[in-house]
PDB file of N, CA and C in Angstrom:
ATOM      1  N   MET A   1     147.205 -52.719 -23.573  1.00  0.00           N
ATOM      2  CA  MET A   1     145.835 -52.315 -23.619  1.00  0.00           C
ATOM      3  C   MET A   1     145.666 -51.156 -24.659  1.00  0.00           C
ATOM      4  N   LYS A   2     144.755 -51.301 -25.576  1.00  0.00           N
ATOM      5  CA  LYS A   2     144.471 -50.225 -26.545  1.00  0.00           C
ATOM      6  C   LYS A   2     143.310 -49.405 -25.967  1.00  0.00           C
ATOM      7  N   VAL A   3     143.503 -48.098 -25.974  1.00  0.00           N
ATOM      8  CA  VAL A   3     142.507 -47.184 -25.406  1.00  0.00           C
ATOM      9  C   VAL A   3     142.066 -46.195 -26.477  1.00  0.00           C
ATOM     10  N   ILE A   4     140.834 -45.771 -26.376  1.00  0.00           N
ATOM     11  CA  ILE A   4     140.325 -44.754 -27.311  1.00  0.00           C
ATOM     12  C   ILE A   4     140.851 -43.429 -26.795  1.00  0.00           C
ATOM     13  N   PRO A   5     141.927 -42.868 -27.409  1.00  0.00           N
ATOM     14  CA  PRO A   5     142.608 -41.691 -26.842  1.00  0.00           C
ATOM     15  C   PRO A   5     141.816 -40.410 -26.901  1.00  0.00           C
ATOM     16  N   GLN A   6     140.844 -40.273 -27.812  1.00  0.00           N
ATOM     17  CA  GLN A   6     140.124 -39.028 -27.939  1.00  0.00           C
ATOM     18  C   GLN A   6     139.054 -38.811 -26.906  1.00  0.00           C
ATOM     19  N   ALA A   7     138.617 -39.872 -26.242  1.00  0.00           N
ATOM     20  CA  ALA A   7     137.536 -39.769 -25.268  1.00  0.00           C
ATOM     21  C   ALA A   7     138.049 -39.118 -23.964  1.00  0.00           C
ATOM     22  N   PRO A   8     137.189 -38.341 -23.250  1.00  0.00           N
ATOM     23  CA  PRO A   8     137.587 -37.778 -21.968  1.00  0.00           C
ATOM     24  C   PRO A   8     138.003 -38.885 -21.040  1.00  0.00           C
ATOM     25  N   LYS A   9     138.924 -38.617 -20.156  1.00  0.00           N
ATOM     26  CA  LYS A   9     139.505 -39.606 -19.277  1.00  0.00           C
ATOM     27  C   LYS A   9     138.454 -40.515 -18.614  1.00  0.00           C
ATOM     28  N   PRO A  10     137.400 -39.993 -18.041  1.00  0.00           N
ATOM     29  CA  PRO A  10     136.446 -40.897 -17.350  1.00  0.00           C
ATOM     30  C   PRO A  10     135.757 -41.884 -18.277  1.00  0.00           C
ATOM     31  N   TYR A  11     135.806 -41.631 -19.610  1.00  0.00           N
ATOM     32  CA  TYR A  11     135.110 -42.480 -20.555  1.00  0.00           C
ATOM     33  C   TYR A  11     136.063 -43.328 -21.374  1.00  0.00           C
ATOM     34  N   ARG A  12     137.323 -43.266 -21.115  1.00  0.00           N
ATOM     35  CA  ARG A  12     138.292 -44.105 -21.924  1.00  0.00           C
ATOM     36  C   ARG A  12     138.139 -45.556 -21.490  1.00  0.00           C
ATOM     37  N   ARG A  13     138.064 -46.403 -22.472  1.00  0.00           N
ATOM     38  CA  ARG A  13     137.878 -47.823 -22.242  1.00  0.00           C
ATOM     39  C   ARG A  13     138.841 -48.569 -23.123  1.00  0.00           C
ATOM     40  N   SER A  14     139.206 -49.734 -22.669  1.00  0.00           N
ATOM     41  CA  SER A  14     140.030 -50.601 -23.454  1.00  0.00           C
ATOM     42  C   SER A  14     139.155 -51.173 -24.581  1.00  0.00           C
ATOM     43  N   ILE A  15     139.700 -51.164 -25.768  1.00  0.00           N
ATOM     44  CA  ILE A  15     138.949 -51.759 -26.886  1.00  0.00           C
ATOM     45  C   ILE A  15     139.699 -52.992 -27.421  1.00  0.00           C
ATOM     46  N   ARG A  16     140.629 -53.464 -26.610  1.00  0.00           N
ATOM     47  CA  ARG A  16     141.439 -54.586 -27.034  1.00  0.00           C
ATOM     48  C   ARG A  16     140.591 -55.845 -27.395  1.00  0.00           C
ATOM     49  N   THR A  17     139.482 -56.063 -26.693  1.00  0.00           N
ATOM     50  CA  THR A  17     138.687 -57.251 -26.933  1.00  0.00           C
ATOM     51  C   THR A  17     137.567 -56.984 -27.942  1.00  0.00           C
ATOM     52  N   GLN A  18     137.503 -55.782 -28.457  1.00  0.00           N
ATOM     53  CA  GLN A  18     136.441 -55.426 -29.447  1.00  0.00           C
ATOM     54  C   GLN A  18     136.941 -55.762 -30.824  1.00  0.00           C
ATOM     55  N   TYR A  19     136.024 -56.128 -31.699  1.00  0.00           N
ATOM     56  CA  TYR A  19     136.386 -56.419 -33.064  1.00  0.00           C
ATOM     57  C   TYR A  19     135.160 -56.108 -33.966  1.00  0.00           C
ATOM     58  N   SER A  20     135.422 -55.815 -35.219  1.00  0.00           N
ATOM     59  CA  SER A  20     134.376 -55.577 -36.189  1.00  0.00           C
ATOM     60  C   SER A  20     133.724 -56.876 -36.539  1.00  0.00           C
ATOM     61  N   LYS A  21     132.406 -56.829 -36.802  1.00  0.00           N
ATOM     62  CA  LYS A  21     131.700 -57.977 -37.241  1.00  0.00           C
ATOM     63  C   LYS A  21     131.059 -57.658 -38.592  1.00  0.00           C
ATOM     64  N   PRO A  22     131.060 -58.639 -39.491  1.00  0.00           N
ATOM     65  CA  PRO A  22     130.381 -58.392 -40.761  1.00  0.00           C
ATOM     66  C   PRO A  22     128.864 -58.218 -40.511  1.00  0.00           C
ATOM     67  N   LEU A  23     128.256 -57.326 -41.279  1.00  0.00           N
ATOM     68  CA  LEU A  23     126.803 -57.127 -41.113  1.00  0.00           C
ATOM     69  C   LEU A  23     126.038 -58.398 -41.345  1.00  0.00           C
ATOM     70  N   ALA A  24     126.528 -59.253 -42.239  1.00  0.00           N
ATOM     71  CA  ALA A  24     125.877 -60.548 -42.485  1.00  0.00           C
ATOM     72  C   ALA A  24     125.809 -61.427 -41.280  1.00  0.00           C
ATOM     73  N   ASP A  25     126.708 -61.216 -40.297  1.00  0.00           N
ATOM     74  CA  ASP A  25     126.710 -61.999 -39.081  1.00  0.00           C
ATOM     75  C   ASP A  25     125.727 -61.552 -38.020  1.00  0.00           C
ATOM     76  N   LEU A  26     125.103 -60.385 -38.248  1.00  0.00           N
ATOM     77  CA  LEU A  26     124.126 -59.865 -37.289  1.00  0.00           C
ATOM     78  C   LEU A  26     122.792 -60.556 -37.463  1.00  0.00           C
ATOM     79  N   PRO A  27     122.093 -60.784 -36.338  1.00  0.00           N
ATOM     80  CA  PRO A  27     120.709 -61.258 -36.480  1.00  0.00           C
ATOM     81  C   PRO A  27     119.813 -60.190 -37.064  1.00  0.00           C
ATOM     82  N   PRO A  28     118.613 -60.534 -37.523  1.00  0.00           N
ATOM     83  CA  PRO A  28     117.693 -59.495 -37.996  1.00  0.00           C
ATOM     84  C   PRO A  28     117.448 -58.415 -36.934  1.00  0.00           C
ATOM     85  N   VAL A  29     117.363 -57.174 -37.375  1.00  0.00           N
ATOM     86  CA  VAL A  29     117.226 -56.079 -36.412  1.00  0.00           C
ATOM     87  C   VAL A  29     115.883 -55.359 -36.716  1.00  0.00           C
ATOM     88  N   ASP A  30     115.281 -54.813 -35.628  1.00  0.00           N
ATOM     89  CA  ASP A  30     114.029 -54.054 -35.736  1.00  0.00           C
ATOM     90  C   ASP A  30     114.307 -52.575 -35.916  1.00  0.00           C
ATOM     91  N   ILE A  31     115.254 -52.058 -35.152  1.00  0.00           N
ATOM     92  CA  ILE A  31     115.511 -50.627 -35.133  1.00  0.00           C
ATOM     93  C   ILE A  31     116.980 -50.364 -35.403  1.00  0.00           C
ATOM     94  N   VAL A  32     117.263 -49.412 -36.278  1.00  0.00           N
ATOM     95  CA  VAL A  32     118.646 -48.990 -36.556  1.00  0.00           C
ATOM     96  C   VAL A  32     118.723 -47.470 -36.251  1.00  0.00           C
ATOM     97  N   ILE A  33     119.642 -47.132 -35.382  1.00  0.00           N
ATOM     98  CA  ILE A  33     119.913 -45.724 -35.110  1.00  0.00           C
ATOM     99  C   ILE A  33     121.310 -45.382 -35.604  1.00  0.00           C
ATOM    100  N   THR A  34     121.388 -44.404 -36.481  1.00  0.00           N
ATOM    101  CA  THR A  34     122.691 -43.925 -36.934  1.00  0.00           C
ATOM    102  C   THR A  34     122.954 -42.621 -36.201  1.00  0.00           C
ATOM    103  N   MET A  35     124.218 -42.326 -35.996  1.00  0.00           N
ATOM    104  CA  MET A  35     124.567 -41.184 -35.135  1.00  0.00           C
ATOM    105  C   MET A  35     124.796 -39.887 -35.929  1.00  0.00           C
ATOM    106  N   GLY A  36     124.859 -40.004 -37.230  1.00  0.00           N
ATOM    107  CA  GLY A  36     125.132 -38.780 -37.990  1.00  0.00           C
ATOM    108  C   GLY A  36     126.629 -38.616 -38.099  1.00  0.00           C
ATOM    109  N   CYS A  37     127.161 -37.630 -37.426  1.00  0.00           N
ATOM    110  CA  CYS A  37     128.611 -37.358 -37.351  1.00  0.00           C
ATOM    111  C   CYS A  37     129.277 -37.247 -38.734  1.00  0.00           C
ATOM    112  N   ASP A  38     128.480 -36.920 -39.738  1.00  0.00           N
ATOM    113  CA  ASP A  38     129.005 -36.805 -41.133  1.00  0.00           C
ATOM    114  C   ASP A  38     129.761 -38.034 -41.592  1.00  0.00           C
ATOM    115  N   VAL A  39     129.260 -39.204 -41.195  1.00  0.00           N
ATOM    116  CA  VAL A  39     129.861 -40.453 -41.580  1.00  0.00           C
ATOM    117  C   VAL A  39     128.811 -41.277 -42.328  1.00  0.00           C
ATOM    118  N   ALA A  40     129.201 -41.832 -43.473  1.00  0.00           N
ATOM    119  CA  ALA A  40     128.276 -42.690 -44.207  1.00  0.00           C
ATOM    120  C   ALA A  40     128.131 -44.039 -43.492  1.00  0.00           C
ATOM    121  N   CYS A  41     126.943 -44.470 -43.269  1.00  0.00           N
ATOM    122  CA  CYS A  41     126.714 -45.744 -42.603  1.00  0.00           C
ATOM    123  C   CYS A  41     126.260 -46.771 -43.641  1.00  0.00           C
ATOM    124  N   PRO A  42     126.669 -48.031 -43.433  1.00  0.00           N
ATOM    125  CA  PRO A  42     126.205 -49.061 -44.356  1.00  0.00           C
ATOM    126  C   PRO A  42     124.689 -49.276 -44.196  1.00  0.00           C
ATOM    127  N   SER A  43     124.116 -49.770 -45.245  1.00  0.00           N
ATOM    128  CA  SER A  43     122.678 -50.063 -45.227  1.00  0.00           C
ATOM    129  C   SER A  43     122.474 -51.376 -44.455  1.00  0.00           C
ATOM    130  N   LEU A  44     121.499 -51.333 -43.558  1.00  0.00           N
ATOM    131  CA  LEU A  44     121.148 -52.533 -42.760  1.00  0.00           C
ATOM    132  C   LEU A  44     119.646 -52.638 -42.790  1.00  0.00           C
ATOM    133  N   PRO A  45     119.134 -53.768 -43.299  1.00  0.00           N
ATOM    134  CA  PRO A  45     117.666 -53.902 -43.309  1.00  0.00           C
ATOM    135  C   PRO A  45     117.088 -53.832 -41.907  1.00  0.00           C
ATOM    136  N   CYS A  46     115.958 -53.116 -41.800  1.00  0.00           N
ATOM    137  CA  CYS A  46     115.330 -52.972 -40.470  1.00  0.00           C
ATOM    138  C   CYS A  46     113.878 -52.517 -40.685  1.00  0.00           C
ATOM    139  N   ARG A  47     113.069 -52.551 -39.614  1.00  0.00           N
ATOM    140  CA  ARG A  47     111.712 -52.039 -39.664  1.00  0.00           C
ATOM    141  C   ARG A  47     111.642 -50.552 -39.496  1.00  0.00           C
ATOM    142  N   TYR A  48     112.557 -49.975 -38.722  1.00  0.00           N
ATOM    143  CA  TYR A  48     112.572 -48.539 -38.418  1.00  0.00           C
ATOM    144  C   TYR A  48     114.002 -48.039 -38.364  1.00  0.00           C
ATOM    145  N   ARG A  49     114.196 -46.859 -38.986  1.00  0.00           N
ATOM    146  CA  ARG A  49     115.533 -46.263 -39.026  1.00  0.00           C
ATOM    147  C   ARG A  49     115.425 -44.799 -38.629  1.00  0.00           C
ATOM    148  N   GLU A  50     116.422 -44.341 -37.885  1.00  0.00           N
ATOM    149  CA  GLU A  50     116.448 -42.956 -37.448  1.00  0.00           C
ATOM    150  C   GLU A  50     117.895 -42.462 -37.391  1.00  0.00           C
ATOM    151  N   ASP A  51     118.141 -41.237 -37.787  1.00  0.00           N
ATOM    152  CA  ASP A  51     119.472 -40.693 -37.710  1.00  0.00           C
ATOM    153  C   ASP A  51     119.447 -39.527 -36.687  1.00  0.00           C
ATOM    154  N   TRP A  52     120.312 -39.554 -35.718  1.00  0.00           N
ATOM    155  CA  TRP A  52     120.333 -38.567 -34.639  1.00  0.00           C
ATOM    156  C   TRP A  52     121.176 -37.337 -34.996  1.00  0.00           C
ATOM    157  N   GLY A  53     121.902 -37.352 -36.056  1.00  0.00           N
ATOM    158  CA  GLY A  53     122.583 -36.170 -36.537  1.00  0.00           C
ATOM    159  C   GLY A  53     123.534 -35.529 -35.505  1.00  0.00           C
ATOM    160  N   LEU A  54     124.257 -36.360 -34.740  1.00  0.00           N
ATOM    161  CA  LEU A  54     125.140 -35.853 -33.713  1.00  0.00           C
ATOM    162  C   LEU A  54     126.420 -35.247 -34.288  1.00  0.00           C
ATOM    163  N   GLU A  55     126.983 -34.323 -33.567  1.00  0.00           N
ATOM    164  CA  GLU A  55     128.270 -33.716 -33.902  1.00  0.00           C
ATOM    165  C   GLU A  55     129.358 -34.748 -33.687  1.00  0.00           C
ATOM    166  N   ASP A  56     130.318 -34.848 -34.581  1.00  0.00           N
ATOM    167  CA  ASP A  56     131.437 -35.769 -34.472  1.00  0.00           C
ATOM    168  C   ASP A  56     132.439 -35.115 -33.472  1.00  0.00           C
ATOM    169  N   PRO A  57     132.671 -35.730 -32.309  1.00  0.00           N
ATOM    170  CA  PRO A  57     133.561 -35.121 -31.309  1.00  0.00           C
ATOM    171  C   PRO A  57     135.043 -35.421 -31.543  1.00  0.00           C
ATOM    172  N   THR A  58     135.348 -36.248 -32.568  1.00  0.00           N
ATOM    173  CA  THR A  58     136.739 -36.589 -32.812  1.00  0.00           C
ATOM    174  C   THR A  58     137.654 -35.376 -32.914  1.00  0.00           C
ATOM    175  N   GLY A  59     138.673 -35.376 -32.107  1.00  0.00           N
ATOM    176  CA  GLY A  59     139.645 -34.304 -32.128  1.00  0.00           C
ATOM    177  C   GLY A  59     139.222 -33.057 -31.420  1.00  0.00           C
ATOM    178  N   LYS A  60     138.092 -33.069 -30.762  1.00  0.00           N
ATOM    179  CA  LYS A  60     137.570 -31.886 -30.037  1.00  0.00           C
ATOM    180  C   LYS A  60     137.928 -32.021 -28.582  1.00  0.00           C
ATOM    181  N   ASP A  61     137.583 -31.000 -27.809  1.00  0.00           N
ATOM    182  CA  ASP A  61     137.894 -30.970 -26.345  1.00  0.00           C
ATOM    183  C   ASP A  61     136.934 -31.909 -25.576  1.00  0.00           C
ATOM    184  N   ASP A  62     137.305 -32.107 -24.299  1.00  0.00           N
ATOM    185  CA  ASP A  62     136.464 -33.021 -23.445  1.00  0.00           C
ATOM    186  C   ASP A  62     135.051 -32.552 -23.336  1.00  0.00           C
ATOM    187  N   GLU A  63     134.806 -31.248 -23.283  1.00  0.00           N
ATOM    188  CA  GLU A  63     133.459 -30.783 -23.091  1.00  0.00           C
ATOM    189  C   GLU A  63     132.571 -31.141 -24.306  1.00  0.00           C
ATOM    190  N   THR A  64     133.154 -31.128 -25.510  1.00  0.00           N
ATOM    191  CA  THR A  64     132.394 -31.520 -26.674  1.00  0.00           C
ATOM    192  C   THR A  64     132.046 -33.015 -26.597  1.00  0.00           C
ATOM    193  N   PHE A  65     133.019 -33.870 -26.170  1.00  0.00           N
ATOM    194  CA  PHE A  65     132.715 -35.282 -26.019  1.00  0.00           C
ATOM    195  C   PHE A  65     131.599 -35.452 -24.996  1.00  0.00           C
ATOM    196  N   LEU A  66     131.671 -34.782 -23.860  1.00  0.00           N
ATOM    197  CA  LEU A  66     130.695 -34.935 -22.825  1.00  0.00           C
ATOM    198  C   LEU A  66     129.318 -34.472 -23.271  1.00  0.00           C
ATOM    199  N   LYS A  67     129.269 -33.417 -24.102  1.00  0.00           N
ATOM    200  CA  LYS A  67     128.018 -32.945 -24.648  1.00  0.00           C
ATOM    201  C   LYS A  67     127.384 -34.009 -25.556  1.00  0.00           C
ATOM    202  N   VAL A  68     128.166 -34.653 -26.389  1.00  0.00           N
ATOM    203  CA  VAL A  68     127.665 -35.714 -27.286  1.00  0.00           C
ATOM    204  C   VAL A  68     127.219 -36.900 -26.437  1.00  0.00           C
ATOM    205  N   ILE A  69     127.971 -37.263 -25.395  1.00  0.00           N
ATOM    206  CA  ILE A  69     127.650 -38.374 -24.530  1.00  0.00           C
ATOM    207  C   ILE A  69     126.268 -38.119 -23.862  1.00  0.00           C
ATOM    208  N   ARG A  70     126.102 -36.905 -23.362  1.00  0.00           N
ATOM    209  CA  ARG A  70     124.836 -36.507 -22.717  1.00  0.00           C
ATOM    210  C   ARG A  70     123.663 -36.584 -23.741  1.00  0.00           C
ATOM    211  N   GLN A  71     123.907 -36.091 -24.948  1.00  0.00           N
ATOM    212  CA  GLN A  71     122.877 -36.143 -25.978  1.00  0.00           C
ATOM    213  C   GLN A  71     122.495 -37.567 -26.330  1.00  0.00           C
ATOM    214  N   ILE A  72     123.460 -38.449 -26.457  1.00  0.00           N
ATOM    215  CA  ILE A  72     123.127 -39.872 -26.720  1.00  0.00           C
ATOM    216  C   ILE A  72     122.321 -40.474 -25.604  1.00  0.00           C
ATOM    217  N   HIS A  73     122.713 -40.163 -24.360  1.00  0.00           N
ATOM    218  CA  HIS A  73     121.957 -40.690 -23.204  1.00  0.00           C
ATOM    219  C   HIS A  73     120.491 -40.163 -23.258  1.00  0.00           C
ATOM    220  N   GLU A  74     120.302 -38.872 -23.510  1.00  0.00           N
ATOM    221  CA  GLU A  74     118.943 -38.339 -23.586  1.00  0.00           C
ATOM    222  C   GLU A  74     118.167 -38.981 -24.730  1.00  0.00           C
ATOM    223  N   ASP A  75     118.795 -39.134 -25.868  1.00  0.00           N
ATOM    224  CA  ASP A  75     118.125 -39.706 -27.055  1.00  0.00           C
ATOM    225  C   ASP A  75     117.753 -41.173 -26.815  1.00  0.00           C
ATOM    226  N   VAL A  76     118.613 -41.922 -26.146  1.00  0.00           N
ATOM    227  CA  VAL A  76     118.298 -43.334 -25.823  1.00  0.00           C
ATOM    228  C   VAL A  76     117.116 -43.389 -24.867  1.00  0.00           C
ATOM    229  N   GLU A  77     117.070 -42.518 -23.887  1.00  0.00           N
ATOM    230  CA  GLU A  77     115.939 -42.534 -22.959  1.00  0.00           C
ATOM    231  C   GLU A  77     114.642 -42.188 -23.662  1.00  0.00           C
ATOM    232  N   LEU A  78     114.689 -41.177 -24.576  1.00  0.00           N
ATOM    233  CA  LEU A  78     113.478 -40.828 -25.341  1.00  0.00           C
ATOM    234  C   LEU A  78     113.089 -41.987 -26.270  1.00  0.00           C
ATOM    235  N   LEU A  79     114.028 -42.646 -26.874  1.00  0.00           N
ATOM    236  CA  LEU A  79     113.733 -43.774 -27.753  1.00  0.00           C
ATOM    237  C   LEU A  79     113.098 -44.896 -26.955  1.00  0.00           C
ATOM    238  N   LYS A  80     113.610 -45.181 -25.747  1.00  0.00           N
ATOM    239  CA  LYS A  80     112.988 -46.243 -24.903  1.00  0.00           C
ATOM    240  C   LYS A  80     111.574 -45.913 -24.615  1.00  0.00           C
ATOM    241  N   GLU A  81     111.285 -44.670 -24.309  1.00  0.00           N
ATOM    242  CA  GLU A  81     109.923 -44.256 -24.003  1.00  0.00           C
ATOM    243  C   GLU A  81     109.018 -44.376 -25.217  1.00  0.00           C
ATOM    244  N   ARG A  82     109.517 -43.963 -26.379  1.00  0.00           N
ATOM    245  CA  ARG A  82     108.733 -44.093 -27.581  1.00  0.00           C
ATOM    246  C   ARG A  82     108.459 -45.549 -27.911  1.00  0.00           C
ATOM    247  N   ILE A  83     109.403 -46.450 -27.637  1.00  0.00           N
ATOM    248  CA  ILE A  83     109.146 -47.883 -27.831  1.00  0.00           C
ATOM    249  C   ILE A  83     108.090 -48.370 -26.865  1.00  0.00           C
ATOM    250  N   ARG A  84     108.208 -47.969 -25.602  1.00  0.00           N
ATOM    251  CA  ARG A  84     107.184 -48.379 -24.613  1.00  0.00           C
ATOM    252  C   ARG A  84     105.787 -47.882 -24.974  1.00  0.00           C
ATOM    253  N   GLN A  85     105.713 -46.662 -25.543  1.00  0.00           N
ATOM    254  CA  GLN A  85     104.422 -46.076 -25.902  1.00  0.00           C
ATOM    255  C   GLN A  85     103.965 -46.553 -27.281  1.00  0.00           C
ATOM    256  N   ARG A  86     104.786 -47.401 -27.922  1.00  0.00           N
ATOM    257  CA  ARG A  86     104.476 -47.955 -29.242  1.00  0.00           C
ATOM    258  C   ARG A  86     104.376 -46.860 -30.309  1.00  0.00           C
ATOM    259  N   ASP A  87     105.183 -45.810 -30.122  1.00  0.00           N
ATOM    260  CA  ASP A  87     105.260 -44.765 -31.170  1.00  0.00           C
ATOM    261  C   ASP A  87     106.190 -45.116 -32.284  1.00  0.00           C
ATOM    262  N   ILE A  88     106.900 -46.225 -32.137  1.00  0.00           N
ATOM    263  CA  ILE A  88     107.803 -46.689 -33.196  1.00  0.00           C
ATOM    264  C   ILE A  88     107.124 -47.885 -33.843  1.00  0.00           C
ATOM    265  N   PRO A  89     107.016 -47.824 -35.171  1.00  0.00           N
ATOM    266  CA  PRO A  89     106.305 -48.930 -35.854  1.00  0.00           C
ATOM    267  C   PRO A  89     106.964 -50.283 -35.661  1.00  0.00           C
TER     268      PRO A  89
END
């Protein structure tokens, strides 16, 4: 089993069954969220794009990972509400 070793223990998951997919294989998307993390993301056509500018937790302590995980959860909840309120074009 291959595990993501940098994640805090409760969040470690096997990635053995995961694989990269070419962007061309994705269906059309409406919303693209990039995480920031000082990583260049490929361009993907979409109706709406947003970058959350998260800190890259790679190589950091568990608390940093947990902080980023909490921030993603909060941002997803806010995004869901904005979609429900039709604040996203």
